[in-house]
Amino acid sequence: MQSDDDSMKIINGKEIAKEIRSEIENELVNLKNRNITPGLAVILVGDDPASNTYVRMKQKMCEELGIKTKDSRPGSDISQEELHLLIEQFNSDDEIHGILVQLPLPDQIDEKLALSKVLPEKDVDGFHPVNVGKVTLGEGGFIPATPAGIIEILMRSGNDPAGKNLVIIGRSRIVGRPLLNLLTQKRKGGNATVTLCHTATEDLSFHTLNADIIIAAAGSVNILDASMIKEGVVIIDVGANRVEDPTKKSGYRLVGDVDFDSVVDKASAITPVPGGVGPLTIIMLMKNCVIAAGGSFN
């Protein structure tokens, strides 16, 4: 049962996403005055249910904002060469400013090679080696949407990471490693002392008990509970795990990586699942697309 005190400490990702959406809408007006309409191309290979859901949500947001979309949905038997040709078509399309290759890709596709075929200036997911390098060096480049959204959550909820002991659980190239780079840089939204933990970390609690901020992005249910945190910690739960739930029409419910009911009383602030990081991931992708079209948020 969630108390009134608990609700006061829950960070509302939907509200933060609304703030950023308003900023995007203002910039879209500026682009329109320059006769520019941002365009996003989506390549969805196969028929993965979760990928279909994510793509629908992204395209719905584009439609609401007035961002033009084009999509291609090849079968799961597509070859590496065919996928590269498809990416090249969007690379050479002047109406397209951003290209999204929805992951995961089928086993026969070399994912890294395919993503490297997207022009860096159209790589709104921030996965191209050029953008990864720029972000790592603090020299611009597109920041992947989820890490960018997490930093927005921290800053806009009054939890500036500067000077704090921060623990990231998870070392994926999509979330954990980009966050490590961003949060240790001498920049707004950075300047933290960061420990990156992962599946080979022998004593996770040793690190999390000393953390002022914990970002759980391991893709593992209940990897963090109350025994592993100190009083007043800020917790950002990036997990999006499906667990069986016969009471739901879908047969499942979405939970994070954190044992929410266990930690909520000790945390000073926490993101829920759903409604925390998820809305920021989508809106930050939209922001990257607007930047690719020539928008500025300085």
C-alpha atoms as a PDB file:
ATOM      1  CA  MET A   1       0.000   0.000   0.000  1.00  0.00           C
ATOM      2  CA  GLN A   2       1.341   3.420  -0.974  1.00  0.00           C
ATOM      3  CA  SER A   3       1.033   6.196   1.617  1.00  0.00           C
ATOM      4  CA  ASP A   4       0.637   9.919   0.980  1.00  0.00           C
ATOM      5  CA  ASP A   5       4.260  10.376   2.071  1.00  0.00           C
ATOM      6  CA  ASP A   6       5.318   7.835  -0.541  1.00  0.00           C
ATOM      7  CA  SER A   7       3.475   9.672  -3.308  1.00  0.00           C
ATOM      8  CA  MET A   8       5.335  12.880  -2.457  1.00  0.00           C
ATOM      9  CA  LYS A   9       8.697  11.255  -3.161  1.00  0.00           C
ATOM     10  CA  ILE A  10       7.731   9.516  -6.408  1.00  0.00           C
ATOM     11  CA  ILE A  11       9.272  11.258  -9.428  1.00  0.00           C
ATOM     12  CA  ASN A  12       6.631  11.697 -12.127  1.00  0.00           C
ATOM     13  CA  GLY A  13       8.343  10.988 -15.439  1.00  0.00           C
ATOM     14  CA  LYS A  14       5.201  11.868 -17.371  1.00  0.00           C
ATOM     15  CA  GLU A  15       5.178  15.416 -15.982  1.00  0.00           C
ATOM     16  CA  ILE A  16       8.868  15.936 -16.737  1.00  0.00           C
ATOM     17  CA  ALA A  17       8.296  14.637 -20.265  1.00  0.00           C
ATOM     18  CA  LYS A  18       5.480  17.186 -20.652  1.00  0.00           C
ATOM     19  CA  GLU A  19       7.895  20.000 -19.757  1.00  0.00           C
ATOM     20  CA  ILE A  20      10.370  18.843 -22.394  1.00  0.00           C
ATOM     21  CA  ARG A  21       7.583  18.349 -24.923  1.00  0.00           C
ATOM     22  CA  SER A  22       6.589  21.999 -24.480  1.00  0.00           C
ATOM     23  CA  GLU A  23      10.188  23.038 -25.217  1.00  0.00           C
ATOM     24  CA  ILE A  24      10.193  20.817 -28.316  1.00  0.00           C
ATOM     25  CA  GLU A  25       6.924  22.340 -29.533  1.00  0.00           C
ATOM     26  CA  ASN A  26       8.413  25.820 -29.248  1.00  0.00           C
ATOM     27  CA  GLU A  27      11.428  24.768 -31.298  1.00  0.00           C
ATOM     28  CA  LEU A  28       9.203  23.131 -33.904  1.00  0.00           C
ATOM     29  CA  VAL A  29       7.545  26.514 -34.435  1.00  0.00           C
ATOM     30  CA  ASN A  30      10.978  28.057 -35.044  1.00  0.00           C
ATOM     31  CA  LEU A  31      11.793  25.315 -37.562  1.00  0.00           C
ATOM     32  CA  LYS A  32       8.446  25.786 -39.292  1.00  0.00           C
ATOM     33  CA  ASN A  33       9.265  29.477 -39.730  1.00  0.00           C
ATOM     34  CA  ARG A  34      12.374  28.290 -41.590  1.00  0.00           C
ATOM     35  CA  ASN A  35      10.251  25.907 -43.711  1.00  0.00           C
ATOM     36  CA  ILE A  36      11.720  22.847 -42.003  1.00  0.00           C
ATOM     37  CA  THR A  37       9.639  19.847 -40.946  1.00  0.00           C
ATOM     38  CA  PRO A  38      11.682  17.225 -39.070  1.00  0.00           C
ATOM     39  CA  GLY A  39      11.425  13.717 -40.477  1.00  0.00           C
ATOM     40  CA  LEU A  40      12.035  10.410 -38.715  1.00  0.00           C
ATOM     41  CA  ALA A  41      12.467   7.085 -40.504  1.00  0.00           C
ATOM     42  CA  VAL A  42      11.799   3.875 -38.587  1.00  0.00           C
ATOM     43  CA  ILE A  43      13.072   0.472 -39.655  1.00  0.00           C
ATOM     44  CA  LEU A  44      11.341  -2.374 -37.824  1.00  0.00           C
ATOM     45  CA  VAL A  45      12.616  -5.813 -38.776  1.00  0.00           C
ATOM     46  CA  GLY A  46      10.307  -8.755 -38.076  1.00  0.00           C
ATOM     47  CA  ASP A  47       7.285  -8.852 -35.803  1.00  0.00           C
ATOM     48  CA  ASP A  48       8.561  -8.703 -32.224  1.00  0.00           C
ATOM     49  CA  PRO A  49       5.573  -7.654 -30.018  1.00  0.00           C
ATOM     50  CA  ALA A  50       7.597  -5.415 -27.693  1.00  0.00           C
ATOM     51  CA  SER A  51       9.333  -3.705 -30.630  1.00  0.00           C
ATOM     52  CA  ASN A  52       5.974  -3.155 -32.306  1.00  0.00           C
ATOM     53  CA  THR A  53       4.669  -1.497 -29.148  1.00  0.00           C
ATOM     54  CA  TYR A  54       7.696   0.793 -28.839  1.00  0.00           C
ATOM     55  CA  VAL A  55       7.498   1.815 -32.493  1.00  0.00           C
ATOM     56  CA  ARG A  56       3.774   2.577 -32.239  1.00  0.00           C
ATOM     57  CA  MET A  57       4.406   4.815 -29.230  1.00  0.00           C
ATOM     58  CA  LYS A  58       7.208   6.676 -31.004  1.00  0.00           C
ATOM     59  CA  GLN A  59       5.178   7.151 -34.175  1.00  0.00           C
ATOM     60  CA  LYS A  60       2.176   8.346 -32.171  1.00  0.00           C
ATOM     61  CA  MET A  61       4.340  10.979 -30.514  1.00  0.00           C
ATOM     62  CA  CYS A  62       5.703  12.067 -33.907  1.00  0.00           C
ATOM     63  CA  GLU A  63       2.171  12.446 -35.216  1.00  0.00           C
ATOM     64  CA  GLU A  64       1.119  14.535 -32.210  1.00  0.00           C
ATOM     65  CA  LEU A  65       4.135  16.831 -32.577  1.00  0.00           C
ATOM     66  CA  GLY A  66       3.934  17.151 -36.354  1.00  0.00           C
ATOM     67  CA  ILE A  67       7.163  15.268 -37.075  1.00  0.00           C
ATOM     68  CA  LYS A  68       6.980  13.508 -40.425  1.00  0.00           C
ATOM     69  CA  THR A  69       7.509   9.746 -40.306  1.00  0.00           C
ATOM     70  CA  LYS A  70       8.382   7.115 -42.857  1.00  0.00           C
ATOM     71  CA  ASP A  71       8.676   3.479 -41.956  1.00  0.00           C
ATOM     72  CA  SER A  72       9.871   0.224 -43.410  1.00  0.00           C
ATOM     73  CA  ARG A  73       8.952  -3.176 -41.997  1.00  0.00           C
ATOM     74  CA  PRO A  74      10.992  -5.887 -43.696  1.00  0.00           C
ATOM     75  CA  GLY A  75      10.580  -9.522 -42.698  1.00  0.00           C
ATOM     76  CA  SER A  76      12.824 -11.193 -40.157  1.00  0.00           C
ATOM     77  CA  ASP A  77      14.596 -13.051 -42.958  1.00  0.00           C
ATOM     78  CA  ILE A  78      16.152  -9.854 -44.373  1.00  0.00           C
ATOM     79  CA  SER A  79      19.844 -10.146 -45.227  1.00  0.00           C
ATOM     80  CA  GLN A  80      22.613  -7.867 -43.970  1.00  0.00           C
ATOM     81  CA  GLU A  81      23.050  -6.380 -47.453  1.00  0.00           C
ATOM     82  CA  GLU A  82      19.324  -5.730 -47.878  1.00  0.00           C
ATOM     83  CA  LEU A  83      19.180  -3.951 -44.527  1.00  0.00           C
ATOM     84  CA  HIS A  84      22.175  -1.799 -45.465  1.00  0.00           C
ATOM     85  CA  LEU A  85      20.465  -0.805 -48.740  1.00  0.00           C
ATOM     86  CA  LEU A  86      17.342   0.155 -46.822  1.00  0.00           C
ATOM     87  CA  ILE A  87      19.352   2.321 -44.423  1.00  0.00           C
ATOM     88  CA  GLU A  88      21.113   3.934 -47.391  1.00  0.00           C
ATOM     89  CA  GLN A  89      17.766   4.899 -48.932  1.00  0.00           C
ATOM     90  CA  PHE A  90      16.903   6.877 -45.801  1.00  0.00           C
ATOM     91  CA  ASN A  91      20.450   8.275 -45.583  1.00  0.00           C
ATOM     92  CA  SER A  92      19.957   9.855 -49.010  1.00  0.00           C
ATOM     93  CA  ASP A  93      16.380  11.049 -48.341  1.00  0.00           C
ATOM     94  CA  ASP A  94      16.463  14.822 -47.747  1.00  0.00           C
ATOM     95  CA  GLU A  95      13.093  14.706 -45.978  1.00  0.00           C
ATOM     96  CA  ILE A  96      14.509  12.398 -43.316  1.00  0.00           C
ATOM     97  CA  HIS A  97      16.618  13.933 -40.546  1.00  0.00           C
ATOM     98  CA  GLY A  98      16.685  10.985 -38.139  1.00  0.00           C
ATOM     99  CA  ILE A  99      16.860   7.222 -38.649  1.00  0.00           C
ATOM    100  CA  LEU A 100      15.783   4.727 -36.014  1.00  0.00           C
ATOM    101  CA  VAL A 101      16.730   1.064 -36.478  1.00  0.00           C
ATOM    102  CA  GLN A 102      14.593  -0.668 -33.861  1.00  0.00           C
ATOM    103  CA  LEU A 103      16.469  -3.203 -31.752  1.00  0.00           C
ATOM    104  CA  PRO A 104      16.802  -6.131 -31.314  1.00  0.00           C
ATOM    105  CA  LEU A 105      17.621  -7.336 -34.819  1.00  0.00           C
ATOM    106  CA  PRO A 106      17.437 -10.987 -36.000  1.00  0.00           C
ATOM    107  CA  ASP A 107      20.356 -13.317 -35.303  1.00  0.00           C
ATOM    108  CA  GLN A 108      21.649 -13.239 -38.888  1.00  0.00           C
ATOM    109  CA  ILE A 109      22.194  -9.468 -38.690  1.00  0.00           C
ATOM    110  CA  ASP A 110      25.421  -7.972 -37.373  1.00  0.00           C
ATOM    111  CA  GLU A 111      23.812  -5.279 -35.241  1.00  0.00           C
ATOM    112  CA  LYS A 112      26.887  -3.096 -34.785  1.00  0.00           C
ATOM    113  CA  LEU A 113      27.670  -3.170 -38.500  1.00  0.00           C
ATOM    114  CA  ALA A 114      24.096  -2.249 -39.419  1.00  0.00           C
ATOM    115  CA  LEU A 115      23.973   0.671 -36.977  1.00  0.00           C
ATOM    116  CA  SER A 116      27.292   1.965 -38.316  1.00  0.00           C
ATOM    117  CA  LYS A 117      25.668   2.368 -41.739  1.00  0.00           C
ATOM    118  CA  VAL A 118      23.376   5.132 -40.459  1.00  0.00           C
ATOM    119  CA  LEU A 119      24.854   8.569 -41.174  1.00  0.00           C
ATOM    120  CA  PRO A 120      26.139  10.005 -37.865  1.00  0.00           C
ATOM    121  CA  GLU A 121      24.154  13.206 -38.435  1.00  0.00           C
ATOM    122  CA  LYS A 122      20.957  11.123 -38.738  1.00  0.00           C
ATOM    123  CA  ASP A 123      21.785   8.752 -35.882  1.00  0.00           C
ATOM    124  CA  VAL A 124      19.194  10.056 -33.401  1.00  0.00           C
ATOM    125  CA  ASP A 125      19.581   6.905 -31.275  1.00  0.00           C
ATOM    126  CA  GLY A 126      23.222   7.822 -30.620  1.00  0.00           C
ATOM    127  CA  PHE A 127      24.562   4.347 -31.439  1.00  0.00           C
ATOM    128  CA  HIS A 128      26.946   5.174 -34.307  1.00  0.00           C
ATOM    129  CA  PRO A 129      30.638   4.905 -33.310  1.00  0.00           C
ATOM    130  CA  VAL A 130      31.155   8.575 -34.221  1.00  0.00           C
ATOM    131  CA  ASN A 131      28.433   9.705 -31.809  1.00  0.00           C
ATOM    132  CA  VAL A 132      29.584   7.272 -29.127  1.00  0.00           C
ATOM    133  CA  GLY A 133      33.087   8.750 -29.427  1.00  0.00           C
ATOM    134  CA  LYS A 134      31.875  12.344 -29.327  1.00  0.00           C
ATOM    135  CA  VAL A 135      29.713  11.721 -26.258  1.00  0.00           C
ATOM    136  CA  THR A 136      32.562   9.888 -24.514  1.00  0.00           C
ATOM    137  CA  LEU A 137      34.925  12.806 -25.161  1.00  0.00           C
ATOM    138  CA  GLY A 138      32.326  15.419 -24.232  1.00  0.00           C
ATOM    139  CA  GLU A 139      32.397  16.880 -27.732  1.00  0.00           C
ATOM    140  CA  GLY A 140      28.705  16.814 -28.619  1.00  0.00           C
ATOM    141  CA  GLY A 141      27.085  14.036 -30.614  1.00  0.00           C
ATOM    142  CA  PHE A 142      23.662  12.533 -30.103  1.00  0.00           C
ATOM    143  CA  ILE A 143      23.172  11.207 -26.579  1.00  0.00           C
ATOM    144  CA  PRO A 144      21.134   7.972 -26.455  1.00  0.00           C
ATOM    145  CA  ALA A 145      17.582   8.761 -25.399  1.00  0.00           C
ATOM    146  CA  THR A 146      17.416   6.785 -22.154  1.00  0.00           C
ATOM    147  CA  PRO A 147      20.645   8.179 -20.603  1.00  0.00           C
ATOM    148  CA  ALA A 148      19.642  11.680 -21.715  1.00  0.00           C
ATOM    149  CA  GLY A 149      16.229  11.194 -20.120  1.00  0.00           C
ATOM    150  CA  ILE A 150      17.728   9.961 -16.844  1.00  0.00           C
ATOM    151  CA  ILE A 151      19.873  13.083 -16.540  1.00  0.00           C
ATOM    152  CA  GLU A 152      16.801  15.240 -17.241  1.00  0.00           C
ATOM    153  CA  ILE A 153      14.916  13.390 -14.487  1.00  0.00           C
ATOM    154  CA  LEU A 154      17.709  13.999 -11.986  1.00  0.00           C
ATOM    155  CA  MET A 155      18.126  17.678 -12.825  1.00  0.00           C
ATOM    156  CA  ARG A 156      14.441  18.572 -13.122  1.00  0.00           C
ATOM    157  CA  SER A 157      13.512  16.754  -9.901  1.00  0.00           C
ATOM    158  CA  GLY A 158      16.115  18.705  -7.925  1.00  0.00           C
ATOM    159  CA  ASN A 159      18.598  15.831  -7.626  1.00  0.00           C
ATOM    160  CA  ASP A 160      21.691  17.270  -9.294  1.00  0.00           C
ATOM    161  CA  PRO A 161      24.314  14.492  -9.326  1.00  0.00           C
ATOM    162  CA  ALA A 162      27.260  16.905  -8.977  1.00  0.00           C
ATOM    163  CA  GLY A 163      29.530  15.825  -6.122  1.00  0.00           C
ATOM    164  CA  LYS A 164      27.367  12.823  -5.246  1.00  0.00           C
ATOM    165  CA  ASN A 165      28.346   9.175  -4.903  1.00  0.00           C
ATOM    166  CA  LEU A 166      26.423   7.511  -7.704  1.00  0.00           C
ATOM    167  CA  VAL A 167      26.113   3.808  -8.503  1.00  0.00           C
ATOM    168  CA  ILE A 168      24.982   2.460 -11.876  1.00  0.00           C
ATOM    169  CA  ILE A 169      23.861  -1.170 -11.950  1.00  0.00           C
ATOM    170  CA  GLY A 170      24.239  -2.402 -15.536  1.00  0.00           C
ATOM    171  CA  ARG A 171      26.919  -1.848 -18.170  1.00  0.00           C
ATOM    172  CA  SER A 172      24.985  -1.988 -21.457  1.00  0.00           C
ATOM    173  CA  ARG A 173      26.158   0.237 -24.305  1.00  0.00           C
ATOM    174  CA  ILE A 174      22.629   1.644 -24.478  1.00  0.00           C
ATOM    175  CA  VAL A 175      22.305   2.818 -20.848  1.00  0.00           C
ATOM    176  CA  GLY A 176      25.053   1.976 -18.361  1.00  0.00           C
ATOM    177  CA  ARG A 177      28.204   2.896 -20.237  1.00  0.00           C
ATOM    178  CA  PRO A 178      26.885   6.140 -21.788  1.00  0.00           C
ATOM    179  CA  LEU A 179      25.697   7.192 -18.326  1.00  0.00           C
ATOM    180  CA  LEU A 180      29.127   6.480 -16.850  1.00  0.00           C
ATOM    181  CA  ASN A 181      30.693   8.795 -19.414  1.00  0.00           C
ATOM    182  CA  LEU A 182      28.106  11.561 -19.058  1.00  0.00           C
ATOM    183  CA  LEU A 183      27.864  11.577 -15.272  1.00  0.00           C
ATOM    184  CA  THR A 184      31.621  11.758 -14.721  1.00  0.00           C
ATOM    185  CA  GLN A 185      32.153  14.634 -17.141  1.00  0.00           C
ATOM    186  CA  LYS A 186      32.614  18.202 -15.931  1.00  0.00           C
ATOM    187  CA  ARG A 187      29.284  19.363 -17.305  1.00  0.00           C
ATOM    188  CA  LYS A 188      25.793  20.289 -16.224  1.00  0.00           C
ATOM    189  CA  GLY A 189      24.138  17.077 -15.134  1.00  0.00           C
ATOM    190  CA  GLY A 190      27.510  15.455 -14.449  1.00  0.00           C
ATOM    191  CA  ASN A 191      30.398  15.901 -11.991  1.00  0.00           C
ATOM    192  CA  ALA A 192      29.431  12.825  -9.975  1.00  0.00           C
ATOM    193  CA  THR A 193      31.700  10.168  -8.514  1.00  0.00           C
ATOM    194  CA  VAL A 194      30.445   7.082 -10.327  1.00  0.00           C
ATOM    195  CA  THR A 195      30.785   3.359  -9.678  1.00  0.00           C
ATOM    196  CA  LEU A 196      29.654   1.016 -12.462  1.00  0.00           C
ATOM    197  CA  CYS A 197      28.458  -2.356 -11.181  1.00  0.00           C
ATOM    198  CA  HIS A 198      27.482  -5.389 -13.248  1.00  0.00           C
ATOM    199  CA  THR A 199      26.923  -9.150 -13.198  1.00  0.00           C
ATOM    200  CA  ALA A 200      30.513  -9.816 -12.143  1.00  0.00           C
ATOM    201  CA  THR A 201      30.378  -7.417  -9.169  1.00  0.00           C
ATOM    202  CA  GLU A 202      30.958  -9.664  -6.142  1.00  0.00           C
ATOM    203  CA  ASP A 203      29.387  -7.560  -3.388  1.00  0.00           C
ATOM    204  CA  LEU A 204      26.810  -5.228  -4.867  1.00  0.00           C
ATOM    205  CA  SER A 205      25.601  -4.027  -1.464  1.00  0.00           C
ATOM    206  CA  PHE A 206      29.106  -2.798  -0.589  1.00  0.00           C
ATOM    207  CA  HIS A 207      28.731  -0.209  -3.347  1.00  0.00           C
ATOM    208  CA  THR A 208      25.015   0.582  -3.135  1.00  0.00           C
ATOM    209  CA  LEU A 209      25.016   1.173   0.639  1.00  0.00           C
ATOM    210  CA  ASN A 210      27.349   4.143   0.131  1.00  0.00           C
ATOM    211  CA  ALA A 211      25.436   5.614  -2.821  1.00  0.00           C
ATOM    212  CA  ASP A 212      23.566   8.908  -2.761  1.00  0.00           C
ATOM    213  CA  ILE A 213      21.982   8.052  -6.122  1.00  0.00           C
ATOM    214  CA  ILE A 214      21.414   4.590  -7.622  1.00  0.00           C
ATOM    215  CA  ILE A 215      20.495   3.974 -11.251  1.00  0.00           C
ATOM    216  CA  ALA A 216      19.255   0.403 -11.717  1.00  0.00           C
ATOM    217  CA  ALA A 217      19.559  -0.661 -15.357  1.00  0.00           C
ATOM    218  CA  ALA A 218      20.368  -4.366 -15.213  1.00  0.00           C
ATOM    219  CA  GLY A 219      17.156  -5.812 -16.665  1.00  0.00           C
ATOM    220  CA  SER A 220      16.780  -8.036 -13.602  1.00  0.00           C
ATOM    221  CA  VAL A 221      13.738  -8.072 -11.296  1.00  0.00           C
ATOM    222  CA  ASN A 222      14.357  -7.090  -7.645  1.00  0.00           C
ATOM    223  CA  ILE A 223      18.107  -6.663  -8.021  1.00  0.00           C
ATOM    224  CA  LEU A 224      17.915  -3.911  -5.380  1.00  0.00           C
ATOM    225  CA  ASP A 225      16.040  -4.055  -2.064  1.00  0.00           C
ATOM    226  CA  ALA A 226      15.883  -2.119   1.213  1.00  0.00           C
ATOM    227  CA  SER A 227      18.797  -4.001   2.799  1.00  0.00           C
ATOM    228  CA  MET A 228      21.097  -2.648   0.072  1.00  0.00           C
ATOM    229  CA  ILE A 229      20.447   1.103   0.403  1.00  0.00           C
ATOM    230  CA  LYS A 230      20.955   3.879   2.897  1.00  0.00           C
ATOM    231  CA  GLU A 231      18.271   6.236   4.156  1.00  0.00           C
ATOM    232  CA  GLY A 232      17.559   9.139   1.796  1.00  0.00           C
ATOM    233  CA  VAL A 233      18.986   7.632  -1.384  1.00  0.00           C
ATOM    234  CA  VAL A 234      17.609   8.679  -4.785  1.00  0.00           C
ATOM    235  CA  ILE A 235      16.681   5.706  -6.986  1.00  0.00           C
ATOM    236  CA  ILE A 236      16.184   5.784 -10.751  1.00  0.00           C
ATOM    237  CA  ASP A 237      14.678   2.493 -11.933  1.00  0.00           C
ATOM    238  CA  VAL A 238      15.325   1.883 -15.634  1.00  0.00           C
ATOM    239  CA  GLY A 239      14.026  -1.697 -15.632  1.00  0.00           C
ATOM    240  CA  ALA A 240      11.081  -2.738 -17.794  1.00  0.00           C
ATOM    241  CA  ASN A 241      10.516  -6.406 -17.002  1.00  0.00           C
ATOM    242  CA  ARG A 242       7.394  -8.400 -17.826  1.00  0.00           C
ATOM    243  CA  VAL A 243       6.165 -10.689 -15.050  1.00  0.00           C
ATOM    244  CA  GLU A 244       3.173 -12.990 -15.266  1.00  0.00           C
ATOM    245  CA  ASP A 245      -0.049 -11.579 -13.826  1.00  0.00           C
ATOM    246  CA  PRO A 246      -3.286 -13.488 -14.510  1.00  0.00           C
ATOM    247  CA  THR A 247      -5.332 -10.525 -13.238  1.00  0.00           C
ATOM    248  CA  LYS A 248      -4.209  -8.474 -16.252  1.00  0.00           C
ATOM    249  CA  LYS A 249      -5.848  -8.764 -19.658  1.00  0.00           C
ATOM    250  CA  SER A 250      -2.399  -9.035 -21.239  1.00  0.00           C
ATOM    251  CA  GLY A 251      -1.415 -11.790 -18.812  1.00  0.00           C
ATOM    252  CA  TYR A 252       1.534  -9.793 -17.499  1.00  0.00           C
ATOM    253  CA  ARG A 253       2.488  -6.572 -15.732  1.00  0.00           C
ATOM    254  CA  LEU A 254       5.515  -4.336 -16.063  1.00  0.00           C
ATOM    255  CA  VAL A 255       7.934  -4.049 -13.141  1.00  0.00           C
ATOM    256  CA  GLY A 256      11.342  -2.463 -12.716  1.00  0.00           C
ATOM    257  CA  ASP A 257      14.680  -3.742 -11.458  1.00  0.00           C
ATOM    258  CA  VAL A 258      14.018  -2.415  -7.955  1.00  0.00           C
ATOM    259  CA  ASP A 259      11.880  -3.999  -5.235  1.00  0.00           C
ATOM    260  CA  PHE A 260       9.750  -0.859  -5.086  1.00  0.00           C
ATOM    261  CA  ASP A 261       7.644  -1.707  -2.010  1.00  0.00           C
ATOM    262  CA  SER A 262      10.779  -2.622  -0.085  1.00  0.00           C
ATOM    263  CA  VAL A 263      12.808   0.521  -0.836  1.00  0.00           C
ATOM    264  CA  VAL A 264      10.185   3.270  -1.104  1.00  0.00           C
ATOM    265  CA  ASP A 265      10.165   4.082   2.630  1.00  0.00           C
ATOM    266  CA  LYS A 266      13.951   4.577   2.757  1.00  0.00           C
ATOM    267  CA  ALA A 267      14.383   6.480  -0.511  1.00  0.00           C
ATOM    268  CA  SER A 268      14.068  10.262  -0.635  1.00  0.00           C
ATOM    269  CA  ALA A 269      12.993  10.071  -4.285  1.00  0.00           C
ATOM    270  CA  ILE A 270      12.256   7.223  -6.683  1.00  0.00           C
ATOM    271  CA  THR A 271      10.975   6.673 -10.206  1.00  0.00           C
ATOM    272  CA  PRO A 272       8.065   4.254 -10.637  1.00  0.00           C
ATOM    273  CA  VAL A 273       7.664   1.579 -13.319  1.00  0.00           C
ATOM    274  CA  PRO A 274       5.784   2.354 -15.459  1.00  0.00           C
ATOM    275  CA  GLY A 275       5.622   6.152 -15.585  1.00  0.00           C
ATOM    276  CA  GLY A 276       9.199   6.972 -14.660  1.00  0.00           C
ATOM    277  CA  VAL A 277      12.033   6.685 -17.162  1.00  0.00           C
ATOM    278  CA  GLY A 278       9.892   5.348 -20.033  1.00  0.00           C
ATOM    279  CA  PRO A 279       8.176   8.621 -21.017  1.00  0.00           C
ATOM    280  CA  LEU A 280      11.557  10.387 -21.040  1.00  0.00           C
ATOM    281  CA  THR A 281      13.077   7.860 -23.430  1.00  0.00           C
ATOM    282  CA  ILE A 282      10.460   8.622 -26.067  1.00  0.00           C
ATOM    283  CA  ILE A 283      10.496  12.405 -25.665  1.00  0.00           C
ATOM    284  CA  MET A 284      14.313  12.574 -25.769  1.00  0.00           C
ATOM    285  CA  LEU A 285      14.278  10.674 -29.066  1.00  0.00           C
ATOM    286  CA  MET A 286      11.921  13.364 -30.385  1.00  0.00           C
ATOM    287  CA  LYS A 287      14.299  16.046 -29.129  1.00  0.00           C
ATOM    288  CA  ASN A 288      17.226  14.406 -30.928  1.00  0.00           C
ATOM    289  CA  CYS A 289      15.186  14.334 -34.138  1.00  0.00           C
ATOM    290  CA  VAL A 290      14.444  18.056 -33.839  1.00  0.00           C
ATOM    291  CA  ILE A 291      18.141  18.767 -33.222  1.00  0.00           C
ATOM    292  CA  ALA A 292      19.027  16.703 -36.304  1.00  0.00           C
ATOM    293  CA  ALA A 293      16.689  18.903 -38.334  1.00  0.00           C
ATOM    294  CA  GLY A 294      18.524  22.020 -37.182  1.00  0.00           C
ATOM    295  CA  GLY A 295      16.736  22.796 -33.937  1.00  0.00           C
ATOM    296  CA  SER A 296      18.509  24.392 -31.004  1.00  0.00           C
ATOM    297  CA  PHE A 297      17.739  24.104 -27.296  1.00  0.00           C
ATOM    298  CA  ASN A 298      20.493  26.350 -25.953  1.00  0.00           C
END
